[in-house]
Each structure stands twice: as structure tokens, then as C-alpha cells.
């Protein structure tokens, strides 16, 4: 089961669609937080409205021809960004009691050094290690953090080319910490 879940085929095709289009649409995992229920329900109503408007404007077949590939591509890209920023050769996974938030942020997530237009397009999410240090920093301020603290640019830096090599990193070896 672990190997199947960690395979690239599952991780970048079926799993993202199920996660974004089913799991996140059902509020059962957040039964104890009414505010989360409301947020999920409002989002679902908006999604149903978007789908209904698309079907009414284009027809069901045309809407599905446009919407289905877009969902597959968007969820796969979302899964890729999440994967690359947490699964790389030098990642660090530490269990309690040795786990420390700052070490986990800096060494358990990457700096995905994308071209400028992709940083803009993804809301600077490639500056993920800084995001993990302080999630309250707005996305548009993350590049300034790298300018102010240039040493952060060198911690777990991945380029687009480097990121393609991470696809083979499927199984975590707890003994080797790799």
C-alpha cells in the first residue's frame, strides 16, 4: 500500500483528483470545527454554481471537455509543487522528541528556485522553507525575505532541472534518514 501510494503514477494522476475533488469537498474530517464546515460548504456551493453556469453557457459535453483536463492538470501541478517542496534528496524528517520547528521548516522543505514568471504565477510558493518558518508572511513579501537574508537562498535550493530528479524519490528509509 505504501509503495502504491508513493508511486509517481498514483501521486500525480489519481490521488490529486481524489484529494481536491472529493476529500476536500467533504467536511467529515473537520466535524469538530463549525467554522471549517461553513467554509467548505460555501466553497462547495460556489463550485456547484460555477459548474452549473459552465454547463448552461457551454453545454455539458463542451464544459466537460474543457473542465476535465483543466482539473487534471491543475491538481497534478498542485501535487507536484507539494511533492517537490517536501520530497528531495537532502530532506530531513525528525520525530519527537528531537523535532524542532525551525529545523523542520528550513531542512524539511525546499526553496524551489523557479523562473520569475513561475514565482509570480504560483504566488511565490517556491519560497516554501520561509513559508514554513512563518506562514503569516504574505506571499508578496517572501522575495524580500530572500533579499534581506541571502543565506536562505542556499538552503535546500532546487531548480526546475533538479526537481525532475526528485520523481524517483518514492520510498523513505527511516534507518538511513534518506
Foldseek 3Di string as FASTA:
>chain_A
DLLVCLALCCLQAVVLCCVPVPVLLDCPVVVPDVVSVVVSVVVVVVVVVVLVVLCVVPNDVVSCVPVVVVSSVVSNVVSLLVCLFQFADQAFDDDPPVDDQLCCLQRRTAQEDEPPVVCVVVLNCSLRSVCSVPVPPGSVCSVVVCVVPVVSCPGRYDYPVRSVVRSPRRDQDPVVRD
